[in-house]
PDB file of N, CA and C in Angstrom:
ATOM      1  N   MET A   1      43.013 146.040 120.770  1.00  0.00           N
ATOM      2  CA  MET A   1      44.234 145.349 121.127  1.00  0.00           C
ATOM      3  C   MET A   1      45.280 146.384 121.546  1.00  0.00           C
ATOM      4  N   ARG A   2      46.093 146.005 122.516  1.00  0.00           N
ATOM      5  CA  ARG A   2      47.213 146.851 122.900  1.00  0.00           C
ATOM      6  C   ARG A   2      48.377 145.984 123.346  1.00  0.00           C
ATOM      7  N   GLN A   3      49.526 146.597 123.387  1.00  0.00           N
ATOM      8  CA  GLN A   3      50.753 145.893 123.717  1.00  0.00           C
ATOM      9  C   GLN A   3      51.149 146.142 125.174  1.00  0.00           C
ATOM     10  N   ARG A   4      51.555 145.092 125.857  1.00  0.00           N
ATOM     11  CA  ARG A   4      52.206 145.193 127.160  1.00  0.00           C
ATOM     12  C   ARG A   4      53.682 144.892 126.935  1.00  0.00           C
ATOM     13  N   VAL A   5      54.551 145.579 127.664  1.00  0.00           N
ATOM     14  CA  VAL A   5      55.988 145.368 127.523  1.00  0.00           C
ATOM     15  C   VAL A   5      56.570 145.002 128.883  1.00  0.00           C
ATOM     16  N   LEU A   6      57.440 144.020 128.878  1.00  0.00           N
ATOM     17  CA  LEU A   6      58.154 143.578 130.064  1.00  0.00           C
ATOM     18  C   LEU A   6      59.641 143.615 129.741  1.00  0.00           C
ATOM     19  N   VAL A   7      60.418 144.325 130.550  1.00  0.00           N
ATOM     20  CA  VAL A   7      61.864 144.376 130.383  1.00  0.00           C
ATOM     21  C   VAL A   7      62.477 143.613 131.547  1.00  0.00           C
ATOM     22  N   LEU A   8      63.243 142.595 131.230  1.00  0.00           N
ATOM     23  CA  LEU A   8      63.937 141.823 132.259  1.00  0.00           C
ATOM     24  C   LEU A   8      65.437 141.990 132.076  1.00  0.00           C
ATOM     25  N   TYR A   9      66.126 142.264 133.163  1.00  0.00           N
ATOM     26  CA  TYR A   9      67.579 142.297 133.184  1.00  0.00           C
ATOM     27  C   TYR A   9      68.017 141.015 133.886  1.00  0.00           C
ATOM     28  N   LEU A  10      68.772 140.183 133.172  1.00  0.00           N
ATOM     29  CA  LEU A  10      69.177 138.892 133.699  1.00  0.00           C
ATOM     30  C   LEU A  10      70.632 138.934 134.156  1.00  0.00           C
ATOM     31  N   SER A  11      71.023 137.990 134.998  1.00  0.00           N
ATOM     32  CA  SER A  11      72.378 137.988 135.538  1.00  0.00           C
ATOM     33  C   SER A  11      73.425 137.612 134.494  1.00  0.00           C
ATOM     34  N   THR A  12      72.996 136.902 133.445  1.00  0.00           N
ATOM     35  CA  THR A  12      73.897 136.565 132.334  1.00  0.00           C
ATOM     36  C   THR A  12      73.104 136.700 131.032  1.00  0.00           C
ATOM     37  N   SER A  13      73.729 136.361 129.929  1.00  0.00           N
ATOM     38  CA  SER A  13      73.055 136.441 128.634  1.00  0.00           C
ATOM     39  C   SER A  13      72.130 135.262 128.367  1.00  0.00           C
ATOM     40  N   ALA A  14      72.091 134.271 129.249  1.00  0.00           N
ATOM     41  CA  ALA A  14      71.243 133.090 129.068  1.00  0.00           C
ATOM     42  C   ALA A  14      69.828 133.376 129.564  1.00  0.00           C
ATOM     43  N   LEU A  15      68.831 133.007 128.780  1.00  0.00           N
ATOM     44  CA  LEU A  15      67.433 133.246 129.153  1.00  0.00           C
ATOM     45  C   LEU A  15      66.998 132.528 130.417  1.00  0.00           C
ATOM     46  N   ASP A  16      67.728 131.498 130.811  1.00  0.00           N
ATOM     47  CA  ASP A  16      67.356 130.779 132.026  1.00  0.00           C
ATOM     48  C   ASP A  16      68.113 131.273 133.265  1.00  0.00           C
ATOM     49  N   SER A  17      68.843 132.383 133.139  1.00  0.00           N
ATOM     50  CA  SER A  17      69.546 132.936 134.297  1.00  0.00           C
ATOM     51  C   SER A  17      68.603 133.803 135.131  1.00  0.00           C
ATOM     52  N   PRO A  18      68.944 134.041 136.399  1.00  0.00           N
ATOM     53  CA  PRO A  18      68.052 134.774 137.301  1.00  0.00           C
ATOM     54  C   PRO A  18      67.835 136.233 136.907  1.00  0.00           C
ATOM     55  N   VAL A  19      66.640 136.728 137.193  1.00  0.00           N
ATOM     56  CA  VAL A  19      66.287 138.129 136.968  1.00  0.00           C
ATOM     57  C   VAL A  19      66.917 138.978 138.070  1.00  0.00           C
ATOM     58  N   VAL A  20      67.591 140.071 137.676  1.00  0.00           N
ATOM     59  CA  VAL A  20      68.201 140.978 138.656  1.00  0.00           C
ATOM     60  C   VAL A  20      67.561 142.370 138.635  1.00  0.00           C
ATOM     61  N   GLY A  21      66.776 142.655 137.610  1.00  0.00           N
ATOM     62  CA  GLY A  21      66.066 143.931 137.500  1.00  0.00           C
ATOM     63  C   GLY A  21      64.942 143.783 136.496  1.00  0.00           C
ATOM     64  N   TRP A  22      63.930 144.672 136.581  1.00  0.00           N
ATOM     65  CA  TRP A  22      62.778 144.535 135.691  1.00  0.00           C
ATOM     66  C   TRP A  22      61.990 145.832 135.645  1.00  0.00           C
ATOM     67  N   ALA A  23      61.178 145.950 134.606  1.00  0.00           N
ATOM     68  CA  ALA A  23      60.217 147.047 134.463  1.00  0.00           C
ATOM     69  C   ALA A  23      59.055 146.517 133.641  1.00  0.00           C
ATOM     70  N   ARG A  24      57.843 146.985 133.990  1.00  0.00           N
ATOM     71  CA  ARG A  24      56.635 146.561 133.275  1.00  0.00           C
ATOM     72  C   ARG A  24      55.879 147.792 132.800  1.00  0.00           C
ATOM     73  N   TYR A  25      55.335 147.710 131.595  1.00  0.00           N
ATOM     74  CA  TYR A  25      54.536 148.794 131.025  1.00  0.00           C
ATOM     75  C   TYR A  25      53.253 148.169 130.486  1.00  0.00           C
ATOM     76  N   ASP A  26      52.114 148.629 130.976  1.00  0.00           N
ATOM     77  CA  ASP A  26      50.849 147.993 130.600  1.00  0.00           C
ATOM     78  C   ASP A  26      50.222 148.553 129.328  1.00  0.00           C
ATOM     79  N   GLY A  27      50.786 149.591 128.774  1.00  0.00           N
ATOM     80  CA  GLY A  27      50.276 150.132 127.520  1.00  0.00           C
ATOM     81  C   GLY A  27      49.105 151.077 127.670  1.00  0.00           C
ATOM     82  N   THR A  28      48.712 151.386 128.903  1.00  0.00           N
ATOM     83  CA  THR A  28      47.584 152.290 129.105  1.00  0.00           C
ATOM     84  C   THR A  28      48.021 153.700 129.455  1.00  0.00           C
ATOM     85  N   GLY A  29      49.230 153.834 129.999  1.00  0.00           N
ATOM     86  CA  GLY A  29      49.691 155.139 130.456  1.00  0.00           C
ATOM     87  C   GLY A  29      49.162 155.520 131.828  1.00  0.00           C
ATOM     88  N   ARG A  30      48.383 154.647 132.448  1.00  0.00           N
ATOM     89  CA  ARG A  30      47.816 154.941 133.771  1.00  0.00           C
ATOM     90  C   ARG A  30      48.790 154.655 134.907  1.00  0.00           C
ATOM     91  N   THR A  31      49.892 153.976 134.601  1.00  0.00           N
ATOM     92  CA  THR A  31      50.878 153.658 135.620  1.00  0.00           C
ATOM     93  C   THR A  31      52.208 154.324 135.276  1.00  0.00           C
ATOM     94  N   SER A  32      53.055 154.477 136.280  1.00  0.00           N
ATOM     95  CA  SER A  32      54.400 155.041 136.091  1.00  0.00           C
ATOM     96  C   SER A  32      55.425 154.062 136.654  1.00  0.00           C
ATOM     97  N   PRO A  33      55.648 152.961 135.962  1.00  0.00           N
ATOM     98  CA  PRO A  33      56.550 151.954 136.496  1.00  0.00           C
ATOM     99  C   PRO A  33      57.996 152.418 136.465  1.00  0.00           C
ATOM    100  N   THR A  34      58.789 151.814 137.307  1.00  0.00           N
ATOM    101  CA  THR A  34      60.226 152.062 137.314  1.00  0.00           C
ATOM    102  C   THR A  34      60.932 150.727 137.512  1.00  0.00           C
ATOM    103  N   THR A  35      62.174 150.645 137.124  1.00  0.00           N
ATOM    104  CA  THR A  35      62.916 149.399 137.233  1.00  0.00           C
ATOM    105  C   THR A  35      62.917 148.904 138.671  1.00  0.00           C
ATOM    106  N   GLY A  36      62.529 147.651 138.873  1.00  0.00           N
ATOM    107  CA  GLY A  36      62.521 147.043 140.197  1.00  0.00           C
ATOM    108  C   GLY A  36      61.545 147.692 141.150  1.00  0.00           C
ATOM    109  N   ASP A  37      60.352 148.051 140.659  1.00  0.00           N
ATOM    110  CA  ASP A  37      59.385 148.777 141.481  1.00  0.00           C
ATOM    111  C   ASP A  37      58.593 147.890 142.444  1.00  0.00           C
ATOM    112  N   SER A  38      59.022 146.662 142.604  1.00  0.00           N
ATOM    113  CA  SER A  38      58.436 145.779 143.604  1.00  0.00           C
ATOM    114  C   SER A  38      59.560 144.934 144.199  1.00  0.00           C
ATOM    115  N   ASP A  39      59.275 144.272 145.308  1.00  0.00           N
ATOM    116  CA  ASP A  39      60.299 143.486 145.994  1.00  0.00           C
ATOM    117  C   ASP A  39      60.649 142.190 145.273  1.00  0.00           C
ATOM    118  N   GLU A  40      59.686 141.631 144.594  1.00  0.00           N
ATOM    119  CA  GLU A  40      59.890 140.357 143.908  1.00  0.00           C
ATOM    120  C   GLU A  40      59.783 140.548 142.399  1.00  0.00           C
ATOM    121  N   PRO A  41      60.690 139.932 141.642  1.00  0.00           N
ATOM    122  CA  PRO A  41      60.575 140.032 140.183  1.00  0.00           C
ATOM    123  C   PRO A  41      59.320 139.330 139.693  1.00  0.00           C
ATOM    124  N   PRO A  42      58.774 139.763 138.566  1.00  0.00           N
ATOM    125  CA  PRO A  42      57.567 139.120 138.044  1.00  0.00           C
ATOM    126  C   PRO A  42      57.818 137.678 137.613  1.00  0.00           C
ATOM    127  N   TYR A  43      59.043 137.355 137.261  1.00  0.00           N
ATOM    128  CA  TYR A  43      59.445 136.007 136.868  1.00  0.00           C
ATOM    129  C   TYR A  43      60.846 135.754 137.402  1.00  0.00           C
ATOM    130  N   GLU A  44      61.166 134.505 137.603  1.00  0.00           N
ATOM    131  CA  GLU A  44      62.501 134.142 138.091  1.00  0.00           C
ATOM    132  C   GLU A  44      63.540 134.145 136.974  1.00  0.00           C
ATOM    133  N   SER A  45      63.091 133.972 135.715  1.00  0.00           N
ATOM    134  CA  SER A  45      63.998 133.935 134.560  1.00  0.00           C
ATOM    135  C   SER A  45      63.240 134.346 133.313  1.00  0.00           C
ATOM    136  N   GLY A  46      63.970 134.555 132.227  1.00  0.00           N
ATOM    137  CA  GLY A  46      63.331 134.850 130.950  1.00  0.00           C
ATOM    138  C   GLY A  46      62.542 133.670 130.422  1.00  0.00           C
ATOM    139  N   VAL A  47      63.016 132.473 130.667  1.00  0.00           N
ATOM    140  CA  VAL A  47      62.307 131.266 130.222  1.00  0.00           C
ATOM    141  C   VAL A  47      60.939 131.178 130.893  1.00  0.00           C
ATOM    142  N   GLU A  48      60.884 131.552 132.167  1.00  0.00           N
ATOM    143  CA  GLU A  48      59.608 131.525 132.883  1.00  0.00           C
ATOM    144  C   GLU A  48      58.607 132.498 132.247  1.00  0.00           C
ATOM    145  N   ALA A  49      59.079 133.664 131.800  1.00  0.00           N
ATOM    146  CA  ALA A  49      58.202 134.620 131.115  1.00  0.00           C
ATOM    147  C   ALA A  49      57.693 134.034 129.799  1.00  0.00           C
ATOM    148  N   LEU A  50      58.563 133.347 129.064  1.00  0.00           N
ATOM    149  CA  LEU A  50      58.143 132.701 127.814  1.00  0.00           C
ATOM    150  C   LEU A  50      57.063 131.664 128.072  1.00  0.00           C
ATOM    151  N   ARG A  51      57.224 130.885 129.134  1.00  0.00           N
ATOM    152  CA  ARG A  51      56.227 129.857 129.470  1.00  0.00           C
ATOM    153  C   ARG A  51      54.873 130.461 129.801  1.00  0.00           C
ATOM    154  N   ASP A  52      54.888 131.709 130.281  1.00  0.00           N
ATOM    155  CA  ASP A  52      53.649 132.389 130.651  1.00  0.00           C
ATOM    156  C   ASP A  52      53.022 133.140 129.474  1.00  0.00           C
ATOM    157  N   GLY A  53      53.589 132.993 128.276  1.00  0.00           N
ATOM    158  CA  GLY A  53      52.975 133.576 127.091  1.00  0.00           C
ATOM    159  C   GLY A  53      53.590 134.872 126.605  1.00  0.00           C
ATOM    160  N   TRP A  54      54.634 135.378 127.270  1.00  0.00           N
ATOM    161  CA  TRP A  54      55.318 136.576 126.783  1.00  0.00           C
ATOM    162  C   TRP A  54      56.156 136.196 125.574  1.00  0.00           C
ATOM    163  N   ARG A  55      56.198 137.088 124.578  1.00  0.00           N
ATOM    164  CA  ARG A  55      56.997 136.857 123.374  1.00  0.00           C
ATOM    165  C   ARG A  55      58.270 137.676 123.461  1.00  0.00           C
ATOM    166  N   LEU A  56      59.404 137.033 123.214  1.00  0.00           N
ATOM    167  CA  LEU A  56      60.689 137.720 123.227  1.00  0.00           C
ATOM    168  C   LEU A  56      60.827 138.527 121.946  1.00  0.00           C
ATOM    169  N   ILE A  57      61.073 139.838 122.069  1.00  0.00           N
ATOM    170  CA  ILE A  57      61.209 140.659 120.867  1.00  0.00           C
ATOM    171  C   ILE A  57      62.604 141.247 120.721  1.00  0.00           C
ATOM    172  N   GLN A  58      63.391 141.261 121.783  1.00  0.00           N
ATOM    173  CA  GLN A  58      64.769 141.732 121.671  1.00  0.00           C
ATOM    174  C   GLN A  58      65.614 141.132 122.777  1.00  0.00           C
ATOM    175  N   ALA A  59      66.775 140.623 122.411  1.00  0.00           N
ATOM    176  CA  ALA A  59      67.715 140.070 123.382  1.00  0.00           C
ATOM    177  C   ALA A  59      68.941 140.968 123.455  1.00  0.00           C
ATOM    178  N   ALA A  60      69.658 140.862 124.537  1.00  0.00           N
ATOM    179  CA  ALA A  60      70.841 141.681 124.761  1.00  0.00           C
ATOM    180  C   ALA A  60      71.939 141.340 123.760  1.00  0.00           C
ATOM    181  N   GLN A  61      72.650 142.376 123.305  1.00  0.00           N
ATOM    182  CA  GLN A  61      73.824 142.157 122.472  1.00  0.00           C
ATOM    183  C   GLN A  61      74.943 141.631 123.357  1.00  0.00           C
ATOM    184  N   LEU A  62      75.700 140.705 122.816  1.00  0.00           N
ATOM    185  CA  LEU A  62      76.838 140.184 123.567  1.00  0.00           C
ATOM    186  C   LEU A  62      78.082 140.965 123.175  1.00  0.00           C
ATOM    187  N   ILE A  63      78.463 141.889 124.026  1.00  0.00           N
ATOM    188  CA  ILE A  63      79.624 142.734 123.781  1.00  0.00           C
ATOM    189  C   ILE A  63      80.646 142.439 124.876  1.00  0.00           C
ATOM    190  N   PRO A  64      81.810 141.917 124.506  1.00  0.00           N
ATOM    191  CA  PRO A  64      82.795 141.598 125.537  1.00  0.00           C
ATOM    192  C   PRO A  64      83.354 142.886 126.163  1.00  0.00           C
ATOM    193  N   PRO A  65      83.676 142.836 127.451  1.00  0.00           N
ATOM    194  CA  PRO A  65      84.232 144.030 128.095  1.00  0.00           C
ATOM    195  C   PRO A  65      85.647 144.300 127.608  1.00  0.00           C
ATOM    196  N   CYS A  66      86.018 145.564 127.599  1.00  0.00           N
ATOM    197  CA  CYS A  66      87.398 145.932 127.297  1.00  0.00           C
ATOM    198  C   CYS A  66      88.274 145.464 128.458  1.00  0.00           C
ATOM    199  N   PRO A  67      89.492 145.107 128.190  1.00  0.00           N
ATOM    200  CA  PRO A  67      90.376 144.700 129.293  1.00  0.00           C
ATOM    201  C   PRO A  67      90.408 145.778 130.388  1.00  0.00           C
ATOM    202  N   GLY A  68      90.192 145.338 131.615  1.00  0.00           N
ATOM    203  CA  GLY A  68      90.162 146.269 132.738  1.00  0.00           C
ATOM    204  C   GLY A  68      88.758 146.709 133.116  1.00  0.00           C
ATOM    205  N   ASP A  69      87.757 146.472 132.248  1.00  0.00           N
ATOM    206  CA  ASP A  69      86.376 146.888 132.505  1.00  0.00           C
ATOM    207  C   ASP A  69      85.472 145.727 132.925  1.00  0.00           C
ATOM    208  N   GLU A  70      86.064 144.604 133.281  1.00  0.00           N
ATOM    209  CA  GLU A  70      85.269 143.412 133.608  1.00  0.00           C
ATOM    210  C   GLU A  70      84.323 143.629 134.777  1.00  0.00           C
ATOM    211  N   TYR A  71      84.657 144.554 135.668  1.00  0.00           N
ATOM    212  CA  TYR A  71      83.849 144.768 136.873  1.00  0.00           C
ATOM    213  C   TYR A  71      83.155 146.122 136.869  1.00  0.00           C
ATOM    214  N   ASP A  72      83.010 146.719 135.708  1.00  0.00           N
ATOM    215  CA  ASP A  72      82.298 147.995 135.565  1.00  0.00           C
ATOM    216  C   ASP A  72      80.818 147.765 135.864  1.00  0.00           C
ATOM    217  N   VAL A  73      80.226 148.621 136.679  1.00  0.00           N
ATOM    218  CA  VAL A  73      78.826 148.462 137.055  1.00  0.00           C
ATOM    219  C   VAL A  73      77.962 149.635 136.575  1.00  0.00           C
ATOM    220  N   SER A  74      78.297 150.203 135.455  1.00  0.00           N
ATOM    221  CA  SER A  74      77.596 151.397 134.997  1.00  0.00           C
ATOM    222  C   SER A  74      76.170 151.130 134.509  1.00  0.00           C
ATOM    223  N   PHE A  75      75.864 149.943 134.026  1.00  0.00           N
ATOM    224  CA  PHE A  75      74.510 149.613 133.577  1.00  0.00           C
ATOM    225  C   PHE A  75      74.350 148.103 133.580  1.00  0.00           C
ATOM    226  N   LEU A  76      73.127 147.649 133.482  1.00  0.00           N
ATOM    227  CA  LEU A  76      72.863 146.213 133.415  1.00  0.00           C
ATOM    228  C   LEU A  76      72.892 145.786 131.952  1.00  0.00           C
ATOM    229  N   LYS A  77      73.788 144.883 131.618  1.00  0.00           N
ATOM    230  CA  LYS A  77      74.040 144.536 130.218  1.00  0.00           C
ATOM    231  C   LYS A  77      73.030 143.582 129.600  1.00  0.00           C
ATOM    232  N   HIS A  78      72.511 142.668 130.371  1.00  0.00           N
ATOM    233  CA  HIS A  78      71.737 141.566 129.798  1.00  0.00           C
ATOM    234  C   HIS A  78      70.242 141.888 129.844  1.00  0.00           C
ATOM    235  N   GLU A  79      69.834 142.772 128.923  1.00  0.00           N
ATOM    236  CA  GLU A  79      68.471 143.305 128.880  1.00  0.00           C
ATOM    237  C   GLU A  79      67.665 142.565 127.813  1.00  0.00           C
ATOM    238  N   PHE A  80      66.478 142.103 128.197  1.00  0.00           N
ATOM    239  CA  PHE A  80      65.601 141.377 127.288  1.00  0.00           C
ATOM    240  C   PHE A  80      64.226 142.039 127.291  1.00  0.00           C
ATOM    241  N   PHE A  81      63.668 142.273 126.099  1.00  0.00           N
ATOM    242  CA  PHE A  81      62.343 142.868 125.963  1.00  0.00           C
ATOM    243  C   PHE A  81      61.345 141.787 125.553  1.00  0.00           C
ATOM    244  N   PHE A  82      60.218 141.762 126.256  1.00  0.00           N
ATOM    245  CA  PHE A  82      59.135 140.823 125.971  1.00  0.00           C
ATOM    246  C   PHE A  82      57.860 141.626 125.726  1.00  0.00           C
ATOM    247  N   GLU A  83      56.926 141.033 125.001  1.00  0.00           N
ATOM    248  CA  GLU A  83      55.632 141.678 124.784  1.00  0.00           C
ATOM    249  C   GLU A  83      54.505 140.679 124.913  1.00  0.00           C
ATOM    250  N   GLN A  84      53.352 141.210 125.263  1.00  0.00           N
ATOM    251  CA  GLN A  84      52.085 140.481 125.201  1.00  0.00           C
ATOM    252  C   GLN A  84      51.097 141.400 124.500  1.00  0.00           C
ATOM    253  N   ILE A  85      50.278 140.827 123.658  1.00  0.00           N
ATOM    254  CA  ILE A  85      49.199 141.573 123.027  1.00  0.00           C
ATOM    255  C   ILE A  85      47.917 141.164 123.754  1.00  0.00           C
ATOM    256  N   VAL A  86      47.219 142.149 124.310  1.00  0.00           N
ATOM    257  CA  VAL A  86      46.006 141.853 125.071  1.00  0.00           C
ATOM    258  C   VAL A  86      44.801 142.508 124.404  1.00  0.00           C
ATOM    259  N   ASP A  87      43.701 141.825 124.518  1.00  0.00           N
ATOM    260  CA  ASP A  87      42.435 142.316 123.978  1.00  0.00           C
ATOM    261  C   ASP A  87      41.805 143.209 125.024  1.00  0.00           C
ATOM    262  N   VAL A  88      41.673 144.498 124.754  1.00  0.00           N
ATOM    263  CA  VAL A  88      41.131 145.428 125.757  1.00  0.00           C
ATOM    264  C   VAL A  88      39.665 145.139 126.052  1.00  0.00           C
ATOM    265  N   ARG A  89      38.971 144.515 125.136  1.00  0.00           N
ATOM    266  CA  ARG A  89      37.563 144.170 125.395  1.00  0.00           C
ATOM    267  C   ARG A  89      37.464 143.116 126.497  1.00  0.00           C
ATOM    268  N   ALA A  90      38.454 142.235 126.590  1.00  0.00           N
ATOM    269  CA  ALA A  90      38.419 141.187 127.612  1.00  0.00           C
ATOM    270  C   ALA A  90      38.723 141.733 129.009  1.00  0.00           C
ATOM    271  N   GLU A  91      39.291 142.935 129.103  1.00  0.00           N
ATOM    272  CA  GLU A  91      39.651 143.519 130.389  1.00  0.00           C
ATOM    273  C   GLU A  91      38.498 144.295 131.025  1.00  0.00           C
ATOM    274  N   ARG A  92      37.456 144.528 130.304  1.00  0.00           N
ATOM    275  CA  ARG A  92      36.341 145.338 130.822  1.00  0.00           C
ATOM    276  C   ARG A  92      35.498 144.601 131.798  1.00  0.00           C
TER     277      ARG A  92
END
């Protein structure tokens, strides 16, 4: 068994909001993924990932911006971590 990890950055803190960035890690080390390494997101929303069997393991903290920082673009705030446990014997 091994773990796959999916990181989705959503447009808001709601799981049904659109995906704006993503990264996938297959747990093998054979790939070198980077955020947004394809043209299309793997899912349209976090809810769609849940429907496909991904388990939510961490949701973004809701931290209000300081006055004057409402439009700061230094990082993507709404980060969600998902996992899947896959049987490596089934992949052979």
